[in-house]
């Protein structure tokens, strides 16, 4: 929030968690904030370290998009976590 919406700028943050076909799960966090420089997604900031750490712990992958705001998607196999059945 602090970096996505500086100076009191208003915006939207979306958090989506979905179970997908083939035993995959997707966690996607998106905002419509100011975005960041291309090099910033590989920095050692606390937020980015947490996202890469989460993906690693879940034996999954991470994708970052910096179009209108920022979108971080972590995909992992359901078998790596104990999720309740639908």
N, C-alpha and C. Protein backbone atom coordinates (compact mmCIF):
# COMPACT_ATOMS: atom_id res chain seq x y z
N UNK A 1 0.84 -1.18 0.00
CA UNK A 1 0.00 0.00 0.00
C UNK A 1 0.88 1.25 0.00
N UNK A 2 1.88 1.21 0.82
CA UNK A 2 2.76 2.37 0.98
C UNK A 2 3.44 2.75 -0.33
N UNK A 3 3.87 1.75 -1.10
CA UNK A 3 4.59 2.03 -2.34
C UNK A 3 3.68 2.07 -3.56
N UNK A 4 2.61 1.32 -3.54
CA UNK A 4 1.70 1.28 -4.69
C UNK A 4 0.90 2.56 -4.82
N UNK A 5 0.57 3.17 -3.68
CA UNK A 5 -0.31 4.35 -3.68
C UNK A 5 0.32 5.49 -2.87
N UNK A 6 1.42 6.06 -3.37
CA UNK A 6 2.10 7.12 -2.61
C UNK A 6 1.28 8.40 -2.52
N UNK A 7 1.56 9.18 -1.49
CA UNK A 7 0.93 10.49 -1.35
C UNK A 7 -0.57 10.45 -1.16
N UNK A 8 -1.07 9.36 -0.59
CA UNK A 8 -2.51 9.26 -0.34
C UNK A 8 -3.34 8.91 -1.56
N UNK A 9 -2.68 8.53 -2.64
CA UNK A 9 -3.39 8.14 -3.86
C UNK A 9 -4.32 6.97 -3.56
N UNK A 10 -5.52 7.00 -4.12
CA UNK A 10 -6.47 5.90 -3.93
C UNK A 10 -6.26 4.85 -5.00
N UNK A 11 -6.65 3.63 -4.68
CA UNK A 11 -6.52 2.54 -5.64
C UNK A 11 -7.18 1.28 -5.12
N UNK A 12 -6.99 0.21 -5.87
CA UNK A 12 -7.62 -1.07 -5.57
C UNK A 12 -6.56 -2.16 -5.48
N UNK A 13 -6.71 -3.02 -4.47
CA UNK A 13 -5.88 -4.22 -4.34
C UNK A 13 -6.81 -5.42 -4.41
N UNK A 14 -6.45 -6.39 -5.22
CA UNK A 14 -7.26 -7.59 -5.39
C UNK A 14 -6.45 -8.81 -5.00
N UNK A 15 -7.07 -9.71 -4.23
CA UNK A 15 -6.43 -10.96 -3.84
C UNK A 15 -7.36 -12.09 -4.29
N UNK A 16 -6.83 -12.98 -5.13
CA UNK A 16 -7.63 -14.09 -5.67
C UNK A 16 -6.89 -15.39 -5.39
N UNK A 17 -7.61 -16.37 -4.87
CA UNK A 17 -7.08 -17.71 -4.70
C UNK A 17 -8.02 -18.68 -5.39
N UNK A 18 -7.50 -19.46 -6.34
CA UNK A 18 -8.34 -20.40 -7.08
C UNK A 18 -7.66 -21.76 -7.18
N UNK A 19 -8.48 -22.79 -7.12
CA UNK A 19 -8.02 -24.13 -7.45
C UNK A 19 -8.28 -24.32 -8.93
N UNK A 20 -7.26 -24.74 -9.66
CA UNK A 20 -7.36 -24.89 -11.10
C UNK A 20 -7.28 -26.35 -11.50
N UNK A 21 -7.52 -26.60 -12.75
CA UNK A 21 -7.48 -27.96 -13.29
C UNK A 21 -6.07 -28.54 -13.15
N UNK A 22 -5.99 -29.84 -13.10
CA UNK A 22 -4.72 -30.52 -13.05
C UNK A 22 -4.03 -30.49 -11.70
N UNK A 23 -4.77 -30.14 -10.66
CA UNK A 23 -4.21 -30.13 -9.32
C UNK A 23 -3.40 -28.89 -8.97
N UNK A 24 -3.57 -27.83 -9.76
CA UNK A 24 -2.84 -26.59 -9.51
C UNK A 24 -3.69 -25.60 -8.72
N UNK A 25 -3.02 -24.75 -7.96
CA UNK A 25 -3.65 -23.64 -7.25
C UNK A 25 -2.96 -22.35 -7.68
N UNK A 26 -3.72 -21.25 -7.64
CA UNK A 26 -3.17 -19.96 -8.03
C UNK A 26 -3.54 -18.92 -6.99
N UNK A 27 -2.53 -18.21 -6.49
CA UNK A 27 -2.72 -17.06 -5.62
C UNK A 27 -2.24 -15.86 -6.41
N UNK A 28 -3.13 -14.89 -6.62
CA UNK A 28 -2.78 -13.71 -7.41
C UNK A 28 -3.14 -12.46 -6.63
N UNK A 29 -2.15 -11.59 -6.48
CA UNK A 29 -2.33 -10.31 -5.79
C UNK A 29 -2.04 -9.22 -6.81
N UNK A 30 -3.01 -8.33 -7.02
CA UNK A 30 -2.91 -7.31 -8.06
C UNK A 30 -3.30 -5.96 -7.48
N UNK A 31 -2.60 -4.91 -7.92
CA UNK A 31 -3.01 -3.56 -7.57
C UNK A 31 -2.97 -2.68 -8.82
N UNK A 32 -3.65 -1.55 -8.76
CA UNK A 32 -3.64 -0.61 -9.87
C UNK A 32 -2.85 0.64 -9.51
N UNK A 33 -1.81 0.44 -8.74
CA UNK A 33 -0.96 1.53 -8.28
C UNK A 33 0.04 1.99 -9.32
N UNK A 34 1.08 2.63 -8.85
CA UNK A 34 2.07 3.25 -9.73
C UNK A 34 3.02 2.26 -10.38
N UNK A 35 3.03 1.02 -9.92
CA UNK A 35 3.95 0.03 -10.47
C UNK A 35 5.35 0.24 -9.94
N UNK A 36 6.32 -0.43 -10.58
CA UNK A 36 7.71 -0.24 -10.18
C UNK A 36 8.61 -0.38 -11.39
N UNK A 37 9.85 0.06 -11.24
CA UNK A 37 10.83 -0.07 -12.31
C UNK A 37 11.11 -1.54 -12.55
N UNK A 38 11.44 -1.89 -13.78
CA UNK A 38 11.66 -3.29 -14.15
C UNK A 38 12.69 -3.97 -13.25
N UNK A 39 13.72 -3.27 -12.85
CA UNK A 39 14.77 -3.87 -12.01
C UNK A 39 14.30 -4.15 -10.59
N UNK A 40 13.25 -3.47 -10.14
CA UNK A 40 12.80 -3.60 -8.75
C UNK A 40 12.22 -4.96 -8.41
N UNK A 41 11.73 -5.72 -9.40
CA UNK A 41 11.13 -7.01 -9.08
C UNK A 41 12.17 -8.03 -8.64
N UNK A 42 13.44 -7.74 -8.84
CA UNK A 42 14.50 -8.66 -8.42
C UNK A 42 15.27 -8.13 -7.21
N UNK A 43 14.76 -7.09 -6.57
CA UNK A 43 15.42 -6.53 -5.40
C UNK A 43 15.19 -7.43 -4.19
N UNK A 44 15.89 -7.15 -3.14
CA UNK A 44 15.76 -7.93 -1.91
C UNK A 44 14.83 -7.25 -0.91
N UNK A 45 13.80 -6.54 -1.40
CA UNK A 45 12.85 -5.90 -0.50
C UNK A 45 12.13 -6.99 0.29
N UNK A 46 11.60 -6.61 1.44
CA UNK A 46 10.90 -7.57 2.28
C UNK A 46 9.72 -8.19 1.55
N UNK A 47 8.93 -7.37 0.88
CA UNK A 47 7.75 -7.89 0.17
C UNK A 47 8.11 -8.89 -0.90
N UNK A 48 9.11 -8.57 -1.72
CA UNK A 48 9.50 -9.48 -2.79
C UNK A 48 10.16 -10.73 -2.22
N UNK A 49 10.94 -10.58 -1.16
CA UNK A 49 11.54 -11.75 -0.51
C UNK A 49 10.47 -12.69 0.01
N UNK A 50 9.40 -12.13 0.59
CA UNK A 50 8.30 -12.96 1.09
C UNK A 50 7.61 -13.71 -0.04
N UNK A 51 7.39 -13.04 -1.17
CA UNK A 51 6.70 -13.70 -2.28
C UNK A 51 7.55 -14.82 -2.88
N UNK A 52 8.84 -14.55 -3.09
CA UNK A 52 9.73 -15.60 -3.61
C UNK A 52 9.87 -16.73 -2.60
N UNK A 53 9.91 -16.39 -1.30
CA UNK A 53 9.99 -17.41 -0.26
C UNK A 53 8.75 -18.29 -0.23
N UNK A 54 7.57 -17.68 -0.37
CA UNK A 54 6.32 -18.43 -0.39
C UNK A 54 6.30 -19.40 -1.57
N UNK A 55 6.67 -18.90 -2.75
CA UNK A 55 6.70 -19.77 -3.93
C UNK A 55 7.65 -20.94 -3.73
N UNK A 56 8.80 -20.67 -3.14
CA UNK A 56 9.76 -21.74 -2.89
C UNK A 56 9.26 -22.76 -1.90
N UNK A 57 8.65 -22.31 -0.81
CA UNK A 57 8.13 -23.23 0.20
C UNK A 57 7.02 -24.10 -0.36
N UNK A 58 6.25 -23.57 -1.30
CA UNK A 58 5.16 -24.32 -1.90
C UNK A 58 5.61 -25.13 -3.12
N UNK A 59 6.93 -25.08 -3.40
CA UNK A 59 7.49 -25.76 -4.57
C UNK A 59 6.78 -25.34 -5.84
N UNK A 60 6.48 -24.04 -5.91
CA UNK A 60 5.76 -23.50 -7.05
C UNK A 60 6.57 -22.49 -7.81
N UNK A 61 5.89 -21.75 -8.65
CA UNK A 61 6.52 -20.73 -9.46
C UNK A 61 5.89 -19.38 -9.20
N UNK A 62 6.59 -18.34 -9.61
CA UNK A 62 6.09 -16.98 -9.42
C UNK A 62 6.21 -16.23 -10.73
N UNK A 63 5.20 -15.42 -11.02
CA UNK A 63 5.21 -14.56 -12.21
C UNK A 63 4.81 -13.16 -11.77
N UNK A 64 5.55 -12.18 -12.25
CA UNK A 64 5.29 -10.79 -11.88
C UNK A 64 5.04 -10.00 -13.15
N UNK A 65 3.94 -9.24 -13.13
CA UNK A 65 3.59 -8.38 -14.26
C UNK A 65 3.55 -6.95 -13.75
N UNK A 66 4.08 -6.04 -14.54
CA UNK A 66 4.16 -4.65 -14.14
C UNK A 66 3.55 -3.80 -15.25
N UNK A 67 2.28 -4.02 -15.52
CA UNK A 67 1.59 -3.27 -16.57
C UNK A 67 0.90 -2.06 -15.96
N UNK A 68 -0.37 -2.14 -15.69
CA UNK A 68 -1.08 -1.08 -14.97
C UNK A 68 -1.11 -1.48 -13.51
N UNK A 69 -0.11 -1.05 -12.76
CA UNK A 69 0.07 -1.51 -11.40
C UNK A 69 0.96 -2.74 -11.40
N UNK A 70 0.80 -3.57 -10.40
CA UNK A 70 1.63 -4.77 -10.27
C UNK A 70 0.72 -5.96 -10.02
N UNK A 71 1.07 -7.10 -10.63
CA UNK A 71 0.37 -8.35 -10.38
C UNK A 71 1.42 -9.41 -10.07
N UNK A 72 1.25 -10.08 -8.93
CA UNK A 72 2.13 -11.17 -8.53
C UNK A 72 1.29 -12.43 -8.46
N UNK A 73 1.70 -13.45 -9.21
CA UNK A 73 0.96 -14.71 -9.22
C UNK A 73 1.88 -15.84 -8.77
N UNK A 74 1.42 -16.61 -7.80
CA UNK A 74 2.13 -17.79 -7.34
C UNK A 74 1.28 -19.00 -7.69
N UNK A 75 1.86 -19.94 -8.43
CA UNK A 75 1.16 -21.18 -8.78
C UNK A 75 1.89 -22.34 -8.13
N UNK A 76 1.12 -23.29 -7.61
CA UNK A 76 1.70 -24.44 -6.95
C UNK A 76 0.74 -25.61 -7.03
N UNK A 77 1.27 -26.80 -6.87
CA UNK A 77 0.44 -28.01 -6.88
C UNK A 77 -0.30 -28.13 -5.56
N UNK A 78 -1.53 -28.53 -5.65
CA UNK A 78 -2.36 -28.70 -4.45
C UNK A 78 -1.74 -29.71 -3.49
N UNK A 79 -1.04 -30.68 -3.99
CA UNK A 79 -0.47 -31.72 -3.15
C UNK A 79 0.59 -31.20 -2.18
N UNK A 80 1.09 -29.96 -2.39
CA UNK A 80 2.11 -29.42 -1.49
C UNK A 80 1.51 -28.79 -0.24
N UNK A 81 0.19 -28.61 -0.21
CA UNK A 81 -0.50 -28.05 0.96
C UNK A 81 -1.76 -28.84 1.23
N UNK A 82 -2.26 -28.77 2.45
CA UNK A 82 -3.47 -29.48 2.83
C UNK A 82 -4.65 -28.51 2.73
N UNK A 83 -5.36 -28.53 1.59
CA UNK A 83 -6.52 -27.65 1.40
C UNK A 83 -7.80 -28.43 1.67
N UNK A 84 -8.81 -27.77 2.21
CA UNK A 84 -10.10 -28.44 2.41
C UNK A 84 -10.74 -28.78 1.08
N UNK A 85 -11.46 -29.87 1.05
CA UNK A 85 -12.19 -30.26 -0.15
C UNK A 85 -13.37 -29.35 -0.36
N UNK A 86 -13.74 -29.13 -1.63
CA UNK A 86 -14.90 -28.29 -1.94
C UNK A 86 -16.18 -29.02 -1.71
